[in-house]
Amino acid sequence: METNKSLEEKIAFPISHLSPEIQAYIRNISEMFQVPSDMVTLAVYVATAVSAGSRVTTFDGIYTNKLSLWSIVVGISGAGKTEFAKKVLQPILTRNEKLVKEYEDAMRDWNGKGKEPESRDFRLHSITLEALVEKINQNPDGLLLYRGELSGWVGSFGKYNRDDAEYASWIEVWDGNTFPVHTKTGNKKFINAKEPVLSVLGGVQPHIMKKFAKADFLGSGFLGRLLMVYPPLCYPEAAPEGDFDKQLLNYWAQFIDNNYRLSTQLIFSTEALTIYNDFCYNYVRDLVMQIGEESTDPYNVCMLEFYGKIKVYAEKWAGLSMLLAGKTGWIDAEVMSRTIEAMKVFEFYAKKVYSFIFGKPIEGSATKGEIIRKLQAEFGIENQAMLAASLGIGRSIVSQYLSGKK
């Protein structure tokens, strides 16, 4: 029976279908910041989504999807959740800083006559709904919510509104639907947020994730819209060798810049659609049926929400994979196959996060009792005192595990 660690060592996002330069870039950033490659890969996909904006979509024959992602890196303080993301997002943050300066210069030159200059700052700083709507309408090509720690975003829900309106509005943002928001300032009572496009990236510490166990989060549909990465803790043993590859950094900056000039629709090929439908109507459907729609167990409720949205994320991830592979046009079978692999990695991380939140063992991993019983059977240690001594725990604890009382 595999332990949590041995299971996690096999978990990783596939990147072999991406361009050689992107693969090398991911490895270089991962090595220099000494963080798991999954963290870097997620940031690369989010940055690509931001630069694709509302101009790049996927089409499966029925539905059209923009490529925005809501993503969280879960890890303790000091696990390196922040600096690597800044590096990956640097071309985008630099672009935004330039737009902010242009706006500030225009405001200084504005004499109060004619149309007031509008800010094109696409980075979301305030998390109030009014600020969000204003940003959405100023930036139809999309927004970025990036914070080293997203706990402020998570903790803000219910702070400004005591009803379900805030949850509902954020869900509308994810869905990309135009929606009205009640305003507390200005002459207008309502402002419409028009077809929002927002990508999210940031870190959250595990104990903060337990805020999601609150009853008002469960069943809201919000949790299922988050793609989470929760890799095993990895503290470096020594400083990294070498340096950032300047050629790869320049390639990445140029790739992001090119995306801002791109406008295209990526269409599912027949082969890709067959793979996608098998994932949705066999793999995901079977898992949903196993849980049952009437389950009230919090862990199961969260997993049902995850399975409900992972089908949409599969389409988005496939579109982003096409861009990162240097492809346009038809989404091919290879990209779709690797995308389904990535969705199963997200499934593993979702189970890990929800297991932590709700105190459940990760499916497929061994409990302490199972490990102790396996050791006893494997080595034939019948004497409980000897078994306890070899494990460095009390005999009474061993007895409880072996008897099934613990």
Protein backbone atom coordinates (compact mmCIF):
# COMPACT_ATOMS: atom_id res chain seq x y z
CA MET A 1 0.00 0.00 0.00
CA GLU A 2 1.42 3.37 -1.00
CA THR A 3 2.05 6.17 1.46
CA ASN A 4 1.06 9.79 0.81
CA LYS A 5 4.67 10.62 -0.07
CA SER A 6 5.09 7.82 -2.61
CA LEU A 7 1.80 8.78 -4.23
CA GLU A 8 2.80 12.45 -4.49
CA GLU A 9 6.18 11.63 -6.02
CA LYS A 10 4.26 10.31 -9.04
CA ILE A 11 2.09 13.41 -9.37
CA ALA A 12 3.14 16.07 -11.87
CA PHE A 13 1.62 18.12 -14.65
CA PRO A 14 2.65 16.83 -18.08
CA ILE A 15 4.68 19.37 -20.06
CA SER A 16 6.24 17.20 -22.80
CA HIS A 17 3.65 18.46 -25.31
CA LEU A 18 4.67 22.10 -24.79
CA SER A 19 7.34 23.79 -26.88
CA PRO A 20 10.95 22.89 -25.98
CA GLU A 21 11.58 26.49 -24.89
CA ILE A 22 8.58 26.52 -22.52
CA GLN A 23 9.64 23.18 -21.04
CA ALA A 24 13.15 24.53 -20.47
CA TYR A 25 11.77 27.75 -18.99
CA ILE A 26 9.64 25.82 -16.46
CA ARG A 27 12.62 23.71 -15.43
CA ASN A 28 14.90 26.74 -15.09
CA ILE A 29 12.48 28.67 -12.89
CA SER A 30 11.76 25.58 -10.80
CA GLU A 31 15.47 24.89 -10.28
CA MET A 32 16.44 28.47 -9.47
CA PHE A 33 13.63 29.00 -6.95
CA GLN A 34 13.87 25.40 -5.75
CA VAL A 35 10.13 24.83 -5.87
CA PRO A 36 8.14 21.92 -7.36
CA SER A 37 7.63 22.21 -11.11
CA ASP A 38 3.84 22.00 -10.68
CA MET A 39 3.85 25.41 -8.98
CA VAL A 40 5.76 26.94 -11.89
CA THR A 41 3.65 25.19 -14.51
CA LEU A 42 0.47 26.55 -12.96
CA ALA A 43 1.87 30.11 -12.96
CA VAL A 44 2.93 29.72 -16.60
CA TYR A 45 -0.60 28.71 -17.57
CA VAL A 46 -2.14 31.61 -15.61
CA ALA A 47 0.24 34.12 -17.21
CA THR A 48 -0.68 32.73 -20.63
CA ALA A 49 -4.37 33.08 -19.78
CA VAL A 50 -3.92 36.72 -18.77
CA SER A 51 -2.04 37.55 -21.97
CA ALA A 52 -4.66 35.74 -24.09
CA GLY A 53 -7.37 37.88 -22.50
CA SER A 54 -10.79 37.78 -24.13
CA ARG A 55 -9.27 37.50 -27.62
CA VAL A 56 -8.51 33.77 -27.55
CA THR A 57 -11.29 31.22 -27.04
CA THR A 58 -11.96 27.51 -27.43
CA PHE A 59 -14.96 26.00 -29.22
CA ASP A 60 -16.11 22.41 -28.75
CA GLY A 61 -18.95 22.54 -31.24
CA ILE A 62 -21.45 23.82 -28.65
CA TYR A 63 -19.71 25.97 -26.05
CA THR A 64 -17.21 28.81 -26.38
CA ASN A 65 -14.81 29.36 -23.48
CA LYS A 66 -12.36 32.12 -22.67
CA LEU A 67 -9.16 30.86 -21.08
CA SER A 68 -9.15 32.52 -17.64
CA LEU A 69 -8.05 30.43 -14.63
CA TRP A 70 -8.67 30.76 -10.90
CA SER A 71 -5.75 29.09 -9.16
CA ILE A 72 -4.27 28.75 -5.70
CA VAL A 73 -0.92 27.39 -4.52
CA VAL A 74 -1.36 25.85 -1.07
CA GLY A 75 1.68 25.72 1.19
CA ILE A 76 3.05 26.82 4.53
CA SER A 77 4.78 30.16 5.02
CA GLY A 78 8.30 29.95 3.65
CA ALA A 79 7.43 27.27 1.10
CA GLY A 80 8.31 29.62 -1.75
CA LYS A 81 4.76 30.39 -2.92
CA THR A 82 5.49 34.02 -3.86
CA GLU A 83 8.81 34.81 -5.52
CA PHE A 84 8.65 32.31 -8.38
CA ALA A 85 5.21 33.61 -9.36
CA LYS A 86 6.50 37.19 -9.49
CA LYS A 87 9.21 36.05 -11.87
CA VAL A 88 6.78 34.23 -14.15
CA LEU A 89 4.33 37.14 -14.12
CA GLN A 90 7.05 39.79 -14.57
CA PRO A 91 6.34 40.55 -18.27
CA ILE A 92 2.66 41.05 -17.40
CA LEU A 93 3.33 43.13 -14.29
CA THR A 94 5.79 45.29 -16.23
CA ARG A 95 3.18 45.83 -18.94
CA ASN A 96 0.65 46.88 -16.32
CA GLU A 97 3.09 49.29 -14.65
CA LYS A 98 3.58 50.97 -18.03
CA LEU A 99 -0.20 51.38 -18.43
CA VAL A 100 -0.47 52.85 -14.93
CA LYS A 101 2.26 55.40 -15.71
CA GLU A 102 0.55 56.34 -18.98
CA TYR A 103 -2.68 56.97 -17.08
CA GLU A 104 -0.93 59.06 -14.42
CA ASP A 105 0.77 61.14 -17.13
CA ALA A 106 -2.56 61.62 -18.95
CA MET A 107 -4.26 62.76 -15.74
CA ARG A 108 -1.51 65.31 -15.10
CA ASP A 109 -1.98 66.69 -18.61
CA TRP A 110 -5.78 66.67 -18.46
CA ASN A 111 -7.19 70.18 -17.97
CA GLY A 112 -10.68 69.12 -16.92
CA LYS A 113 -12.12 69.62 -20.39
CA GLY A 114 -13.16 66.83 -22.70
CA LYS A 115 -13.29 63.19 -21.74
CA GLU A 116 -11.44 62.26 -18.57
CA PRO A 117 -8.67 59.70 -19.19
CA GLU A 118 -9.60 56.15 -18.12
CA SER A 119 -7.30 53.87 -16.21
CA ARG A 120 -6.24 50.71 -18.03
CA ASP A 121 -4.66 49.19 -14.93
CA PHE A 122 -5.72 45.55 -15.29
CA ARG A 123 -4.33 44.30 -11.99
CA LEU A 124 -7.05 44.02 -9.36
CA HIS A 125 -5.86 45.58 -6.11
CA SER A 126 -9.07 46.21 -4.16
CA ILE A 127 -11.39 43.24 -3.66
CA THR A 128 -14.63 45.12 -3.04
CA LEU A 129 -17.36 44.42 -5.58
CA GLU A 130 -17.61 48.08 -6.62
CA ALA A 131 -13.89 48.22 -7.38
CA LEU A 132 -14.16 44.92 -9.23
CA VAL A 133 -17.00 46.11 -11.47
CA GLU A 134 -15.19 49.35 -12.28
CA LYS A 135 -12.08 47.42 -13.29
CA ILE A 136 -14.10 44.95 -15.37
CA ASN A 137 -15.70 47.71 -17.40
CA GLN A 138 -12.39 49.54 -17.89
CA ASN A 139 -10.64 46.37 -19.07
CA PRO A 140 -12.80 44.23 -21.38
CA ASP A 141 -9.68 42.25 -22.32
CA GLY A 142 -9.43 40.89 -18.79
CA LEU A 143 -8.04 41.33 -15.29
CA LEU A 144 -5.45 39.72 -13.04
CA LEU A 145 -5.88 39.16 -9.29
CA TYR A 146 -2.41 38.26 -8.05
CA ARG A 147 -1.31 38.26 -4.43
CA GLY A 148 1.47 36.44 -2.65
CA GLU A 149 -1.11 35.54 -0.02
CA LEU A 150 -4.73 35.27 -1.12
CA SER A 151 -6.02 34.96 2.45
CA GLY A 152 -7.31 38.54 2.25
CA TRP A 153 -9.42 37.63 -0.76
CA VAL A 154 -10.77 34.51 0.91
CA GLY A 155 -11.35 36.33 4.20
CA SER A 156 -13.18 39.21 2.52
CA PHE A 157 -16.26 37.17 1.67
CA GLY A 158 -19.07 38.25 3.95
CA LYS A 159 -17.07 41.24 5.20
CA TYR A 160 -18.74 43.77 2.92
CA ASN A 161 -22.04 41.96 2.38
CA ARG A 162 -23.75 39.73 4.89
CA ASP A 163 -25.87 37.85 2.39
CA ASP A 164 -25.14 35.54 -0.50
CA ALA A 165 -24.86 38.40 -3.04
CA GLU A 166 -21.08 38.56 -2.79
CA TYR A 167 -20.59 34.85 -3.45
CA ALA A 168 -23.05 35.03 -6.33
CA SER A 169 -21.26 38.02 -7.89
CA TRP A 170 -17.84 36.37 -7.79
CA ILE A 171 -19.35 33.23 -9.31
CA GLU A 172 -20.81 35.37 -12.10
CA VAL A 173 -17.31 36.72 -12.71
CA TRP A 174 -15.95 33.18 -13.13
CA ASP A 175 -18.85 32.30 -15.44
CA GLY A 176 -18.16 35.42 -17.55
CA ASN A 177 -21.76 36.62 -17.33
CA THR A 178 -22.81 40.27 -17.29
CA PHE A 179 -24.29 41.02 -13.86
CA PRO A 180 -25.48 44.06 -11.86
CA VAL A 181 -23.91 45.24 -8.61
CA HIS A 182 -25.55 47.62 -6.15
CA THR A 183 -23.39 50.69 -5.58
CA LYS A 184 -22.99 52.65 -2.36
CA THR A 185 -21.33 55.68 -3.97
CA GLY A 186 -22.12 57.88 -6.98
CA ASN A 187 -25.42 58.60 -8.67
CA LYS A 188 -26.10 55.15 -10.10
CA LYS A 189 -27.81 52.56 -7.92
CA PHE A 190 -26.59 49.68 -10.07
CA ILE A 191 -23.62 49.15 -12.35
CA ASN A 192 -23.46 46.29 -14.84
CA ALA A 193 -20.23 44.30 -14.96
CA LYS A 194 -19.97 43.42 -18.64
CA GLU A 195 -18.70 39.97 -19.64
CA PRO A 196 -15.89 39.79 -17.06
CA VAL A 197 -12.63 37.96 -17.69
CA LEU A 198 -10.51 37.44 -14.57
CA SER A 199 -7.57 35.17 -13.79
CA VAL A 200 -6.44 34.54 -10.21
CA LEU A 201 -3.07 33.40 -8.85
CA GLY A 202 -1.72 33.44 -5.32
CA GLY A 203 -0.78 31.44 -2.29
CA VAL A 204 -2.81 30.28 0.69
CA GLN A 205 -1.50 28.61 3.83
CA PRO A 206 -3.14 25.27 4.69
CA HIS A 207 -4.71 26.47 7.94
CA ILE A 208 -6.31 29.38 6.05
CA MET A 209 -7.90 26.88 3.69
CA LYS A 210 -9.87 25.61 6.67
CA LYS A 211 -11.95 28.77 6.39
CA PHE A 212 -13.56 26.98 3.47
CA ALA A 213 -15.08 24.54 5.94
CA LYS A 214 -17.55 27.25 6.94
CA ALA A 215 -21.14 26.39 6.13
CA ASP A 216 -21.63 29.47 3.92
CA PHE A 217 -18.84 28.33 1.59
CA LEU A 218 -20.12 24.79 1.21
CA GLY A 219 -22.57 24.36 -1.60
CA SER A 220 -22.04 27.90 -2.91
CA GLY A 221 -20.24 26.59 -5.99
CA PHE A 222 -17.25 28.82 -5.24
CA LEU A 223 -14.82 26.09 -4.13
CA GLY A 224 -15.33 24.05 -7.27
CA ARG A 225 -14.11 26.98 -9.35
CA LEU A 226 -10.64 26.95 -7.77
CA LEU A 227 -7.78 24.99 -9.28
CA MET A 228 -5.44 24.09 -6.43
CA VAL A 229 -1.87 22.87 -6.31
CA TYR A 230 -0.66 21.44 -2.98
CA PRO A 231 2.73 19.80 -3.63
CA PRO A 232 4.72 18.06 -0.89
CA LEU A 233 6.85 20.30 1.31
CA CYS A 234 10.31 20.70 -0.18
CA TYR A 235 12.91 22.77 1.69
CA PRO A 236 16.17 23.22 -0.25
CA GLU A 237 19.31 21.72 1.25
CA ALA A 238 21.64 24.23 -0.41
CA ALA A 239 21.63 27.35 -2.56
CA PRO A 240 20.82 26.76 -6.24
CA GLU A 241 23.67 26.40 -8.70
CA GLY A 242 23.84 28.36 -11.91
CA ASP A 243 21.65 31.32 -12.83
CA PHE A 244 18.49 32.25 -14.66
CA ASP A 245 18.80 31.52 -18.36
CA LYS A 246 18.58 34.98 -19.95
CA GLN A 247 17.74 33.52 -23.33
CA LEU A 248 14.77 31.67 -21.84
CA LEU A 249 13.65 34.76 -19.91
CA ASN A 250 13.71 36.77 -23.14
CA TYR A 251 11.81 34.01 -24.95
CA TRP A 252 9.14 34.02 -22.24
CA ALA A 253 8.77 37.81 -22.35
CA GLN A 254 8.42 37.72 -26.14
CA PHE A 255 5.90 34.85 -25.93
CA ILE A 256 3.72 36.88 -23.56
CA ASP A 257 4.02 39.98 -25.74
CA ASN A 258 3.01 38.01 -28.83
CA ASN A 259 -0.07 36.67 -27.04
CA TYR A 260 -1.32 40.23 -26.53
CA ARG A 261 -1.43 40.59 -30.31
CA LEU A 262 -3.18 37.28 -30.83
CA SER A 263 -6.88 36.91 -31.63
CA THR A 264 -8.10 33.43 -32.54
CA GLN A 265 -10.49 30.59 -31.79
CA LEU A 266 -9.10 27.13 -31.03
CA ILE A 267 -11.49 24.43 -32.22
CA PHE A 268 -11.68 20.86 -30.95
CA SER A 269 -10.72 18.28 -33.58
CA THR A 270 -12.84 15.13 -33.84
CA GLU A 271 -10.10 13.11 -32.12
CA ALA A 272 -9.73 15.66 -29.29
CA LEU A 273 -13.48 15.79 -28.79
CA THR A 274 -13.63 11.98 -28.50
CA ILE A 275 -10.99 12.06 -25.74
CA TYR A 276 -12.73 14.95 -24.00
CA ASN A 277 -16.15 13.27 -24.11
CA ASP A 278 -14.71 10.05 -22.72
CA PHE A 279 -13.31 12.04 -19.79
CA CYS A 280 -16.60 13.85 -19.14
CA TYR A 281 -19.12 11.07 -19.73
CA ASN A 282 -17.18 8.09 -18.45
CA TYR A 283 -14.46 9.09 -15.99
CA VAL A 284 -16.11 12.12 -14.36
CA ARG A 285 -19.64 10.75 -14.60
CA ASP A 286 -18.67 7.49 -12.87
CA LEU A 287 -17.03 9.38 -10.00
CA VAL A 288 -20.07 11.63 -9.57
CA MET A 289 -22.40 8.63 -9.55
CA GLN A 290 -20.25 6.93 -6.91
CA ILE A 291 -20.60 9.94 -4.59
CA GLY A 292 -24.29 10.51 -5.29
CA GLU A 293 -25.95 13.87 -5.73
CA GLU A 294 -27.72 13.67 -2.36
CA SER A 295 -24.51 13.35 -0.31
CA THR A 296 -24.27 15.95 2.48
CA ASP A 297 -20.76 15.01 3.58
CA PRO A 298 -18.68 18.24 3.24
CA TYR A 299 -15.79 16.45 1.53
CA ASN A 300 -18.14 14.87 -1.01
CA VAL A 301 -19.96 18.17 -1.59
CA CYS A 302 -16.63 19.83 -2.44
CA MET A 303 -15.61 17.01 -4.77
CA LEU A 304 -18.96 17.18 -6.57
CA GLU A 305 -18.36 20.91 -7.13
CA PHE A 306 -14.87 20.12 -8.41
CA TYR A 307 -16.12 17.50 -10.86
CA GLY A 308 -18.80 19.91 -12.05
CA LYS A 309 -16.23 22.52 -13.14
CA ILE A 310 -13.22 20.45 -14.11
CA LYS A 311 -14.90 19.73 -17.46
CA VAL A 312 -14.84 23.48 -18.23
CA TYR A 313 -11.26 23.78 -17.04
CA ALA A 314 -10.26 20.93 -19.35
CA GLU A 315 -11.34 23.05 -22.32
CA LYS A 316 -9.49 26.10 -21.02
CA TRP A 317 -6.33 24.11 -20.22
CA ALA A 318 -6.36 22.56 -23.70
CA GLY A 319 -6.55 26.00 -25.29
CA LEU A 320 -3.69 27.30 -23.17
CA SER A 321 -1.66 24.18 -23.95
CA MET A 322 -2.07 24.92 -27.64
CA LEU A 323 -0.57 28.39 -27.19
CA LEU A 324 2.25 27.04 -25.03
CA ALA A 325 2.97 24.40 -27.66
CA GLY A 326 3.18 27.10 -30.33
CA LYS A 327 0.05 25.85 -32.08
CA THR A 328 -3.13 27.49 -33.34
CA GLY A 329 -6.18 26.18 -35.16
CA TRP A 330 -7.44 22.71 -34.25
CA ILE A 331 -6.90 21.28 -30.77
CA ASP A 332 -5.27 17.92 -31.45
CA ALA A 333 -5.41 14.54 -29.71
CA GLU A 334 -1.97 14.87 -28.08
CA VAL A 335 -2.85 18.19 -26.43
CA MET A 336 -6.20 16.81 -25.26
CA SER A 337 -4.65 13.63 -23.83
CA ARG A 338 -2.07 15.62 -21.87
CA THR A 339 -4.84 17.97 -20.72
CA ILE A 340 -6.84 15.07 -19.25
CA GLU A 341 -3.70 13.97 -17.41
CA ALA A 342 -3.40 17.48 -15.97
CA MET A 343 -7.04 17.43 -14.84
CA LYS A 344 -6.35 14.23 -12.92
CA VAL A 345 -3.42 15.94 -11.22
CA PHE A 346 -5.80 18.72 -10.17
CA GLU A 347 -8.18 16.03 -8.93
CA PHE A 348 -5.43 14.60 -6.72
CA TYR A 349 -4.62 18.02 -5.28
CA ALA A 350 -8.32 18.77 -4.67
CA LYS A 351 -8.62 15.52 -2.71
CA LYS A 352 -5.50 16.41 -0.73
CA VAL A 353 -6.77 19.91 0.15
CA TYR A 354 -10.28 18.75 1.06
CA SER A 355 -8.84 15.84 3.06
CA PHE A 356 -6.84 18.35 5.07
CA ILE A 357 -9.79 20.71 5.52
CA PHE A 358 -12.20 18.03 6.66
CA GLY A 359 -9.77 15.68 8.39
CA LYS A 360 -10.09 12.73 6.01
CA PRO A 361 -7.28 10.44 4.76
CA ILE A 362 -6.32 10.88 1.12
CA GLU A 363 -8.00 8.25 -0.99
CA GLY A 364 -5.52 5.53 -1.93
CA SER A 365 -3.09 6.34 0.90
CA ALA A 366 -2.46 4.24 3.99
CA THR A 367 -3.73 5.26 7.42
CA LYS A 368 -1.49 4.92 10.49
CA GLY A 369 -3.49 1.87 11.60
CA GLU A 370 -3.07 0.21 8.20
CA ILE A 371 0.68 0.86 8.26
CA ILE A 372 1.05 -0.62 11.77
CA ARG A 373 -1.03 -3.69 10.90
CA LYS A 374 0.96 -4.17 7.68
CA LEU A 375 4.28 -3.94 9.57
CA GLN A 376 3.09 -6.52 12.09
CA ALA A 377 2.02 -8.92 9.35
CA GLU A 378 5.09 -8.33 7.19
CA PHE A 379 7.68 -8.91 9.91
CA GLY A 380 5.69 -11.24 12.15
CA ILE A 381 6.08 -9.08 15.26
CA GLU A 382 3.46 -10.56 17.57
CA ASN A 383 4.76 -8.87 20.71
CA GLN A 384 3.03 -5.48 20.85
CA ALA A 385 5.66 -4.07 23.22
CA MET A 386 8.43 -4.90 20.74
CA LEU A 387 6.44 -3.42 17.86
CA ALA A 388 5.77 -0.24 19.85
CA ALA A 389 9.44 0.07 20.81
CA SER A 390 10.57 -0.36 17.20
CA LEU A 391 8.20 2.43 16.12
CA GLY A 392 9.02 4.68 19.04
CA ILE A 393 5.41 4.94 20.27
CA GLY A 394 3.50 3.71 23.30
CA ARG A 395 2.27 0.12 23.54
CA SER A 396 -1.26 1.29 24.32
CA ILE A 397 -1.36 3.24 21.04
CA VAL A 398 -0.23 0.17 19.08
CA SER A 399 -2.88 -1.89 20.84
CA GLN A 400 -5.62 0.57 19.88
CA TYR A 401 -4.55 0.59 16.24
CA LEU A 402 -4.32 -3.19 16.03
CA SER A 403 -7.71 -3.65 17.65
CA GLY A 404 -9.29 -1.11 15.30
CA LYS A 405 -10.27 1.20 18.17
CA LYS A 406 -8.18 4.03 16.70
